[in-house]
């Protein structure tokens, strides 16, 4: 546990991303973001429905988080403070995007709850829960990335 607090002043590479804070959150962000993407894709998306925004946000954040994971795993950041700042900025933007998508998804789910026993409604409820969990993960990652960035 002491190694997590001591290493806040540098960026990990390789398998170090699986043992350091906040980089350990990449995998849960990918899992919950992918679940949101899959669950919303399983429902019927009306063209003017805000679920299209949720799909955009979840796909964008999933792909960018995967790219970010690969950059950190390969060590392409060269332990630069610019990458620490970029990590903080990206996760802050992702947290705001996911928060907006989560709120819209919750509103749409409440508006379409004509029959709570339907399969689509259950998918939407699951997507709302996973979307808020993904939002929370991105917020925590943003806070921890800000702390790491300030320690450079």
N, C-alpha and C. Protein backbone atom coordinates (compact mmCIF):
# COMPACT_ATOMS: atom_id res chain seq x y z
N UNK A 1 0.82 -1.19 0.00
CA UNK A 1 0.00 0.00 0.00
C UNK A 1 0.87 1.25 0.00
N UNK A 2 2.01 1.20 0.63
CA UNK A 2 2.88 2.36 0.67
C UNK A 2 3.40 2.71 -0.72
N UNK A 3 3.54 1.69 -1.58
CA UNK A 3 4.05 1.97 -2.92
C UNK A 3 3.07 2.80 -3.74
N UNK A 4 1.77 2.69 -3.44
CA UNK A 4 0.79 3.48 -4.18
C UNK A 4 0.91 4.96 -3.86
N UNK A 5 1.20 5.32 -2.64
CA UNK A 5 1.30 6.73 -2.28
C UNK A 5 2.65 7.31 -2.65
N UNK A 6 3.69 6.50 -2.63
CA UNK A 6 5.02 6.98 -2.98
C UNK A 6 5.12 7.24 -4.47
N UNK A 7 4.43 6.47 -5.28
CA UNK A 7 4.57 6.57 -6.73
C UNK A 7 3.64 7.58 -7.36
N UNK A 8 3.00 8.45 -6.57
CA UNK A 8 2.08 9.43 -7.15
C UNK A 8 2.81 10.46 -8.01
N UNK A 9 4.13 10.61 -7.85
CA UNK A 9 4.87 11.61 -8.59
C UNK A 9 5.36 11.16 -9.94
N UNK A 10 5.05 9.95 -10.35
CA UNK A 10 5.46 9.50 -11.68
C UNK A 10 4.35 8.67 -12.32
N UNK A 11 4.46 8.52 -13.63
CA UNK A 11 3.45 7.78 -14.37
C UNK A 11 3.93 6.34 -14.57
N UNK A 12 3.09 5.37 -14.28
CA UNK A 12 3.51 3.98 -14.43
C UNK A 12 3.48 3.53 -15.89
N UNK A 13 4.17 2.45 -16.15
CA UNK A 13 4.11 1.84 -17.48
C UNK A 13 4.12 0.33 -17.31
N UNK A 14 3.77 -0.36 -18.36
CA UNK A 14 3.71 -1.81 -18.30
C UNK A 14 2.62 -2.29 -17.36
N UNK A 15 2.92 -3.34 -16.63
CA UNK A 15 1.95 -3.89 -15.68
C UNK A 15 1.80 -3.02 -14.43
N UNK A 16 2.61 -1.96 -14.33
CA UNK A 16 2.49 -1.05 -13.21
C UNK A 16 1.16 -0.33 -13.18
N UNK A 17 0.49 -0.25 -14.34
CA UNK A 17 -0.82 0.40 -14.36
C UNK A 17 -1.88 -0.42 -13.65
N UNK A 18 -1.59 -1.71 -13.43
CA UNK A 18 -2.55 -2.57 -12.73
C UNK A 18 -2.37 -2.51 -11.21
N UNK A 19 -1.34 -1.79 -10.75
CA UNK A 19 -1.07 -1.78 -9.31
C UNK A 19 -1.01 -0.37 -8.73
N UNK A 20 -1.15 0.66 -9.53
CA UNK A 20 -1.04 2.01 -9.01
C UNK A 20 -2.38 2.74 -9.09
N UNK A 21 -2.52 3.67 -8.19
CA UNK A 21 -3.72 4.49 -8.16
C UNK A 21 -3.40 5.75 -8.93
N UNK A 22 -4.17 6.27 -9.79
CA UNK A 22 -5.54 5.97 -10.19
C UNK A 22 -5.63 5.05 -11.40
N UNK A 23 -4.48 4.55 -11.88
CA UNK A 23 -4.48 3.79 -13.13
C UNK A 23 -5.16 2.44 -13.02
N UNK A 24 -5.33 1.96 -11.81
CA UNK A 24 -6.03 0.69 -11.60
C UNK A 24 -7.51 0.82 -12.01
N UNK A 25 -8.00 2.05 -12.13
CA UNK A 25 -9.41 2.27 -12.49
C UNK A 25 -9.69 2.15 -13.98
N UNK A 26 -8.65 2.01 -14.82
CA UNK A 26 -8.87 1.88 -16.27
C UNK A 26 -9.76 0.68 -16.61
N UNK A 27 -9.47 -0.46 -16.00
CA UNK A 27 -10.22 -1.68 -16.32
C UNK A 27 -11.68 -1.57 -15.89
N UNK A 28 -11.99 -1.12 -14.66
CA UNK A 28 -13.41 -0.96 -14.33
C UNK A 28 -14.12 0.07 -15.20
N UNK A 29 -13.41 1.14 -15.61
CA UNK A 29 -14.01 2.13 -16.51
C UNK A 29 -14.37 1.48 -17.84
N UNK A 30 -13.48 0.63 -18.34
CA UNK A 30 -13.77 -0.07 -19.60
C UNK A 30 -14.93 -1.05 -19.44
N UNK A 31 -14.96 -1.76 -18.34
CA UNK A 31 -16.02 -2.74 -18.12
C UNK A 31 -17.39 -2.07 -18.01
N UNK A 32 -17.50 -1.08 -17.14
CA UNK A 32 -18.80 -0.43 -16.94
C UNK A 32 -19.19 0.41 -18.16
N UNK A 33 -18.23 1.05 -18.80
CA UNK A 33 -18.53 1.79 -20.03
C UNK A 33 -19.00 0.88 -21.14
N UNK A 34 -18.37 -0.29 -21.25
CA UNK A 34 -18.81 -1.27 -22.25
C UNK A 34 -20.19 -1.82 -21.95
N UNK A 35 -20.49 -2.01 -20.68
CA UNK A 35 -21.83 -2.48 -20.31
C UNK A 35 -22.90 -1.44 -20.65
N UNK A 36 -22.60 -0.17 -20.42
CA UNK A 36 -23.55 0.89 -20.80
C UNK A 36 -23.78 0.85 -22.30
N UNK A 37 -22.70 0.76 -23.04
CA UNK A 37 -22.76 0.73 -24.50
C UNK A 37 -23.62 -0.45 -24.96
N UNK A 38 -23.38 -1.63 -24.42
CA UNK A 38 -24.11 -2.82 -24.84
C UNK A 38 -25.58 -2.74 -24.46
N UNK A 39 -25.86 -2.31 -23.23
CA UNK A 39 -27.25 -2.26 -22.77
C UNK A 39 -28.08 -1.24 -23.53
N UNK A 40 -27.50 -0.08 -23.83
CA UNK A 40 -28.25 0.92 -24.60
C UNK A 40 -28.42 0.46 -26.04
N UNK A 41 -27.42 -0.23 -26.56
CA UNK A 41 -27.52 -0.73 -27.94
C UNK A 41 -28.59 -1.81 -28.08
N UNK A 42 -28.92 -2.49 -26.98
CA UNK A 42 -29.94 -3.54 -27.02
C UNK A 42 -31.36 -2.99 -27.06
N UNK A 43 -31.52 -1.70 -26.79
CA UNK A 43 -32.85 -1.11 -26.77
C UNK A 43 -33.12 -0.40 -28.09
N UNK A 44 -34.36 -0.04 -28.29
CA UNK A 44 -34.74 0.69 -29.49
C UNK A 44 -34.43 2.17 -29.29
N UNK A 45 -33.58 2.71 -30.16
CA UNK A 45 -33.18 4.11 -30.05
C UNK A 45 -33.91 4.92 -31.10
N UNK A 46 -34.81 5.77 -30.65
CA UNK A 46 -35.53 6.68 -31.53
C UNK A 46 -34.55 7.78 -31.95
N UNK A 47 -34.58 8.24 -33.20
CA UNK A 47 -33.60 9.23 -33.64
C UNK A 47 -33.51 10.48 -32.78
N UNK A 48 -34.61 10.97 -32.23
CA UNK A 48 -34.57 12.18 -31.42
C UNK A 48 -34.49 11.87 -29.94
N UNK A 49 -34.19 10.64 -29.61
CA UNK A 49 -34.09 10.19 -28.24
C UNK A 49 -32.68 10.49 -27.72
N UNK A 50 -32.55 10.98 -26.50
CA UNK A 50 -31.22 11.26 -25.94
C UNK A 50 -30.34 10.03 -25.77
N UNK A 51 -30.89 8.84 -25.99
CA UNK A 51 -30.06 7.64 -25.89
C UNK A 51 -28.96 7.63 -26.95
N UNK A 52 -29.18 8.34 -28.04
CA UNK A 52 -28.12 8.45 -29.05
C UNK A 52 -26.92 9.19 -28.46
N UNK A 53 -27.17 10.20 -27.62
CA UNK A 53 -26.08 10.91 -26.94
C UNK A 53 -25.36 9.97 -25.97
N UNK A 54 -26.12 9.13 -25.29
CA UNK A 54 -25.52 8.16 -24.36
C UNK A 54 -24.62 7.20 -25.13
N UNK A 55 -25.08 6.76 -26.30
CA UNK A 55 -24.25 5.88 -27.12
C UNK A 55 -22.97 6.58 -27.56
N UNK A 56 -23.09 7.83 -27.99
CA UNK A 56 -21.91 8.59 -28.40
C UNK A 56 -20.90 8.71 -27.26
N UNK A 57 -21.39 9.08 -26.10
CA UNK A 57 -20.50 9.26 -24.95
C UNK A 57 -19.87 7.93 -24.55
N UNK A 58 -20.66 6.87 -24.47
CA UNK A 58 -20.10 5.59 -24.02
C UNK A 58 -19.10 5.03 -25.01
N UNK A 59 -19.36 5.17 -26.31
CA UNK A 59 -18.40 4.68 -27.31
C UNK A 59 -17.13 5.53 -27.29
N UNK A 60 -17.29 6.86 -27.24
CA UNK A 60 -16.12 7.75 -27.20
C UNK A 60 -15.25 7.47 -25.98
N UNK A 61 -15.87 7.40 -24.81
CA UNK A 61 -15.10 7.17 -23.59
C UNK A 61 -14.49 5.77 -23.56
N UNK A 62 -15.19 4.78 -24.07
CA UNK A 62 -14.64 3.44 -24.12
C UNK A 62 -13.40 3.40 -24.99
N UNK A 63 -13.50 3.96 -26.20
CA UNK A 63 -12.36 3.94 -27.12
C UNK A 63 -11.19 4.78 -26.60
N UNK A 64 -11.48 5.97 -26.08
CA UNK A 64 -10.40 6.83 -25.58
C UNK A 64 -9.73 6.24 -24.33
N UNK A 65 -10.52 5.62 -23.46
CA UNK A 65 -9.94 4.98 -22.28
C UNK A 65 -9.06 3.81 -22.70
N UNK A 66 -9.48 3.07 -23.71
CA UNK A 66 -8.66 1.96 -24.20
C UNK A 66 -7.35 2.49 -24.79
N UNK A 67 -7.43 3.56 -25.58
CA UNK A 67 -6.22 4.17 -26.15
C UNK A 67 -5.31 4.67 -25.02
N UNK A 68 -5.90 5.31 -24.03
CA UNK A 68 -5.15 5.82 -22.88
C UNK A 68 -4.47 4.67 -22.14
N UNK A 69 -5.18 3.55 -21.97
CA UNK A 69 -4.62 2.37 -21.32
C UNK A 69 -3.42 1.84 -22.10
N UNK A 70 -3.53 1.79 -23.42
CA UNK A 70 -2.44 1.29 -24.26
C UNK A 70 -1.24 2.23 -24.19
N UNK A 71 -1.48 3.54 -24.22
CA UNK A 71 -0.38 4.51 -24.13
C UNK A 71 0.36 4.35 -22.81
N UNK A 72 -0.39 4.19 -21.73
CA UNK A 72 0.26 4.03 -20.43
C UNK A 72 0.93 2.67 -20.31
N UNK A 73 0.32 1.62 -20.84
CA UNK A 73 0.92 0.29 -20.76
C UNK A 73 2.21 0.21 -21.56
N UNK A 74 2.26 0.88 -22.70
CA UNK A 74 3.47 0.86 -23.54
C UNK A 74 4.55 1.81 -23.04
N UNK A 75 4.22 2.70 -22.13
CA UNK A 75 5.19 3.65 -21.62
C UNK A 75 5.48 4.79 -22.58
N UNK A 76 4.56 5.08 -23.48
CA UNK A 76 4.76 6.14 -24.46
C UNK A 76 4.73 7.53 -23.85
N UNK A 77 4.35 7.65 -22.62
CA UNK A 77 4.26 8.95 -21.95
C UNK A 77 5.62 9.47 -21.49
N UNK A 78 6.63 8.59 -21.39
CA UNK A 78 7.99 8.96 -20.98
C UNK A 78 8.02 9.73 -19.66
N UNK A 79 7.08 9.44 -18.77
CA UNK A 79 7.00 10.04 -17.45
C UNK A 79 6.97 11.57 -17.50
N UNK A 80 6.26 12.11 -18.47
CA UNK A 80 6.17 13.56 -18.66
C UNK A 80 5.01 14.13 -17.85
N UNK A 81 5.24 15.30 -17.27
CA UNK A 81 4.16 15.94 -16.51
C UNK A 81 3.03 16.39 -17.44
N UNK A 82 3.33 16.60 -18.71
CA UNK A 82 2.28 16.94 -19.68
C UNK A 82 1.26 15.83 -19.83
N UNK A 83 1.74 14.58 -19.77
CA UNK A 83 0.82 13.44 -19.85
C UNK A 83 -0.01 13.33 -18.58
N UNK A 84 0.57 13.70 -17.44
CA UNK A 84 -0.20 13.69 -16.19
C UNK A 84 -1.32 14.72 -16.27
N UNK A 85 -1.01 15.90 -16.83
CA UNK A 85 -2.04 16.93 -16.99
C UNK A 85 -3.09 16.48 -17.99
N UNK A 86 -2.65 15.85 -19.09
CA UNK A 86 -3.60 15.36 -20.09
C UNK A 86 -4.50 14.28 -19.51
N UNK A 87 -3.95 13.44 -18.64
CA UNK A 87 -4.74 12.40 -17.98
C UNK A 87 -5.82 13.03 -17.12
N UNK A 88 -5.46 14.06 -16.38
CA UNK A 88 -6.43 14.79 -15.55
C UNK A 88 -7.51 15.45 -16.42
N UNK A 89 -7.11 16.10 -17.49
CA UNK A 89 -8.06 16.80 -18.36
C UNK A 89 -9.00 15.81 -19.03
N UNK A 90 -8.44 14.72 -19.59
CA UNK A 90 -9.30 13.74 -20.26
C UNK A 90 -10.33 13.16 -19.30
N UNK A 91 -9.89 12.73 -18.12
CA UNK A 91 -10.84 12.11 -17.21
C UNK A 91 -11.86 13.11 -16.66
N UNK A 92 -11.48 14.37 -16.55
CA UNK A 92 -12.45 15.40 -16.17
C UNK A 92 -13.52 15.58 -17.23
N UNK A 93 -13.09 15.63 -18.49
CA UNK A 93 -14.05 15.75 -19.60
C UNK A 93 -14.93 14.50 -19.67
N UNK A 94 -14.32 13.33 -19.53
CA UNK A 94 -15.10 12.09 -19.57
C UNK A 94 -16.12 12.04 -18.44
N UNK A 95 -15.74 12.51 -17.25
CA UNK A 95 -16.67 12.52 -16.12
C UNK A 95 -17.85 13.44 -16.40
N UNK A 96 -17.58 14.61 -16.97
CA UNK A 96 -18.68 15.54 -17.30
C UNK A 96 -19.59 14.96 -18.39
N UNK A 97 -18.98 14.35 -19.41
CA UNK A 97 -19.78 13.75 -20.48
C UNK A 97 -20.65 12.62 -19.94
N UNK A 98 -20.05 11.76 -19.12
CA UNK A 98 -20.81 10.63 -18.57
C UNK A 98 -21.91 11.11 -17.62
N UNK A 99 -21.65 12.18 -16.87
CA UNK A 99 -22.69 12.72 -15.99
C UNK A 99 -23.87 13.22 -16.81
N UNK A 100 -23.59 13.96 -17.89
CA UNK A 100 -24.69 14.44 -18.74
C UNK A 100 -25.44 13.28 -19.37
N UNK A 101 -24.71 12.26 -19.83
CA UNK A 101 -25.36 11.11 -20.44
C UNK A 101 -26.17 10.32 -19.41
N UNK A 102 -25.66 10.18 -18.21
CA UNK A 102 -26.37 9.43 -17.17
C UNK A 102 -27.68 10.10 -16.78
N UNK A 103 -27.63 11.41 -16.64
CA UNK A 103 -28.86 12.14 -16.28
C UNK A 103 -29.89 12.04 -17.40
N UNK A 104 -29.45 12.21 -18.63
CA UNK A 104 -30.38 12.09 -19.77
C UNK A 104 -30.95 10.68 -19.87
N UNK A 105 -30.12 9.68 -19.66
CA UNK A 105 -30.60 8.30 -19.71
C UNK A 105 -31.62 8.02 -18.61
N UNK A 106 -31.38 8.57 -17.43
CA UNK A 106 -32.34 8.39 -16.33
C UNK A 106 -33.66 9.07 -16.65
N UNK A 107 -33.61 10.27 -17.24
CA UNK A 107 -34.84 10.99 -17.60
C UNK A 107 -35.63 10.21 -18.65
N UNK A 108 -34.93 9.71 -19.66
CA UNK A 108 -35.60 8.94 -20.73
C UNK A 108 -36.20 7.66 -20.16
N UNK A 109 -35.47 7.01 -19.27
CA UNK A 109 -35.97 5.77 -18.68
C UNK A 109 -37.23 6.03 -17.86
N UNK A 110 -37.25 7.12 -17.11
CA UNK A 110 -38.45 7.46 -16.34
C UNK A 110 -39.61 7.84 -17.25
N UNK A 111 -39.32 8.49 -18.37
CA UNK A 111 -40.38 8.91 -19.29
C UNK A 111 -41.02 7.72 -20.00
N UNK A 112 -40.24 6.67 -20.24
CA UNK A 112 -40.75 5.52 -20.98
C UNK A 112 -41.16 4.36 -20.09
N UNK A 113 -41.43 4.60 -18.82
CA UNK A 113 -41.76 3.48 -17.93
C UNK A 113 -43.25 3.16 -17.94
N UNK A 114 -43.81 3.00 -19.10
CA UNK A 114 -45.22 2.66 -19.19
C UNK A 114 -45.51 1.29 -18.58
N UNK A 115 -44.58 0.36 -18.76
CA UNK A 115 -44.75 -0.97 -18.19
C UNK A 115 -43.41 -1.41 -17.61
N UNK A 116 -43.22 -1.27 -16.28
CA UNK A 116 -41.94 -1.59 -15.67
C UNK A 116 -41.52 -3.05 -15.79
N UNK A 117 -42.41 -3.92 -16.19
CA UNK A 117 -42.07 -5.34 -16.29
C UNK A 117 -41.48 -5.70 -17.65
N UNK A 118 -41.41 -4.75 -18.57
CA UNK A 118 -40.91 -5.07 -19.90
C UNK A 118 -39.40 -5.27 -19.90
N UNK A 119 -38.95 -6.01 -20.88
CA UNK A 119 -37.53 -6.33 -21.03
C UNK A 119 -36.71 -5.07 -21.32
N UNK A 120 -37.22 -4.18 -22.17
CA UNK A 120 -36.50 -2.97 -22.53
C UNK A 120 -36.35 -2.04 -21.33
N UNK A 121 -37.38 -1.94 -20.51
CA UNK A 121 -37.30 -1.11 -19.31
C UNK A 121 -36.23 -1.64 -18.36
N UNK A 122 -36.15 -2.95 -18.21
CA UNK A 122 -35.12 -3.53 -17.34
C UNK A 122 -33.72 -3.27 -17.89
N UNK A 123 -33.58 -3.33 -19.21
CA UNK A 123 -32.28 -3.00 -19.82
C UNK A 123 -31.93 -1.54 -19.57
N UNK A 124 -32.92 -0.66 -19.70
CA UNK A 124 -32.67 0.76 -19.47
C UNK A 124 -32.29 1.04 -18.02
N UNK A 125 -32.94 0.40 -17.08
CA UNK A 125 -32.60 0.59 -15.67
C UNK A 125 -31.17 0.12 -15.42
N UNK A 126 -30.80 -1.03 -15.98
CA UNK A 126 -29.43 -1.52 -15.83
C UNK A 126 -28.44 -0.55 -16.44
N UNK A 127 -28.77 0.00 -17.60
CA UNK A 127 -27.88 0.96 -18.25
C UNK A 127 -27.72 2.22 -17.40
N UNK A 128 -28.79 2.67 -16.76
CA UNK A 128 -28.72 3.86 -15.90
C UNK A 128 -27.79 3.59 -14.72
N UNK A 129 -27.94 2.44 -14.09
CA UNK A 129 -27.11 2.11 -12.93
C UNK A 129 -25.64 2.03 -13.34
N UNK A 130 -25.34 1.31 -14.42
CA UNK A 130 -23.95 1.18 -14.87
C UNK A 130 -23.39 2.52 -15.35
N UNK A 131 -24.24 3.35 -15.90
CA UNK A 131 -23.79 4.66 -16.35
C UNK A 131 -23.38 5.54 -15.17
N UNK A 132 -24.16 5.50 -14.10
CA UNK A 132 -23.78 6.28 -12.92
C UNK A 132 -22.54 5.69 -12.23
N UNK A 133 -22.37 4.38 -12.27
CA UNK A 133 -21.15 3.77 -11.73
C UNK A 133 -19.94 4.21 -12.56
N UNK A 134 -20.08 4.22 -13.89
CA UNK A 134 -18.99 4.68 -14.75
C UNK A 134 -18.68 6.15 -14.48
N UNK A 135 -19.71 6.94 -14.27
CA UNK A 135 -19.51 8.36 -13.93
C UNK A 135 -18.71 8.49 -12.64
N UNK A 136 -19.08 7.72 -11.63
CA UNK A 136 -18.37 7.76 -10.36
C UNK A 136 -16.90 7.34 -10.54
N UNK A 137 -16.65 6.32 -11.33
CA UNK A 137 -15.27 5.89 -11.57
C UNK A 137 -14.46 6.98 -12.25
N UNK A 138 -15.05 7.65 -13.24
CA UNK A 138 -14.34 8.73 -13.93
C UNK A 138 -14.11 9.93 -13.00
N UNK A 139 -15.04 10.22 -12.12
CA UNK A 139 -14.86 11.32 -11.16
C UNK A 139 -13.72 10.99 -10.19
N UNK A 140 -13.70 9.77 -9.66
CA UNK A 140 -12.63 9.36 -8.76
C UNK A 140 -11.29 9.40 -9.48
N UNK A 141 -11.25 8.92 -10.72
CA UNK A 141 -10.01 8.94 -11.51
C UNK A 141 -9.56 10.39 -11.74
N UNK A 142 -10.50 11.29 -11.98
CA UNK A 142 -10.16 12.70 -12.18
C UNK A 142 -9.52 13.29 -10.93
N UNK A 143 -10.11 13.03 -9.78
CA UNK A 143 -9.59 13.57 -8.52
C UNK A 143 -8.19 13.02 -8.24
N UNK A 144 -8.01 11.72 -8.41
CA UNK A 144 -6.71 11.12 -8.15
C UNK A 144 -5.67 11.55 -9.19
N UNK A 145 -6.10 11.77 -10.43
CA UNK A 145 -5.18 12.26 -11.46
C UNK A 145 -4.76 13.69 -11.16
N UNK A 146 -5.66 14.49 -10.62
CA UNK A 146 -5.30 15.87 -10.24
C UNK A 146 -4.27 15.87 -9.12
N UNK A 147 -4.44 14.98 -8.17
CA UNK A 147 -3.47 14.87 -7.08
C UNK A 147 -2.11 14.44 -7.62
N UNK A 148 -2.11 13.47 -8.54
CA UNK A 148 -0.85 13.01 -9.13
C UNK A 148 -0.20 14.12 -9.95
N UNK A 149 -1.01 14.85 -10.71
CA UNK A 149 -0.48 15.93 -11.55
C UNK A 149 0.16 17.00 -10.68
N UNK A 150 -0.46 17.35 -9.57
CA UNK A 150 0.07 18.37 -8.67
C UNK A 150 1.35 17.90 -7.97
N UNK A 151 1.57 16.60 -7.87
CA UNK A 151 2.75 16.10 -7.19
C UNK A 151 3.98 16.02 -8.10
N UNK A 152 3.81 16.32 -9.39
CA UNK A 152 4.95 16.31 -10.31
C UNK A 152 5.86 17.47 -10.05
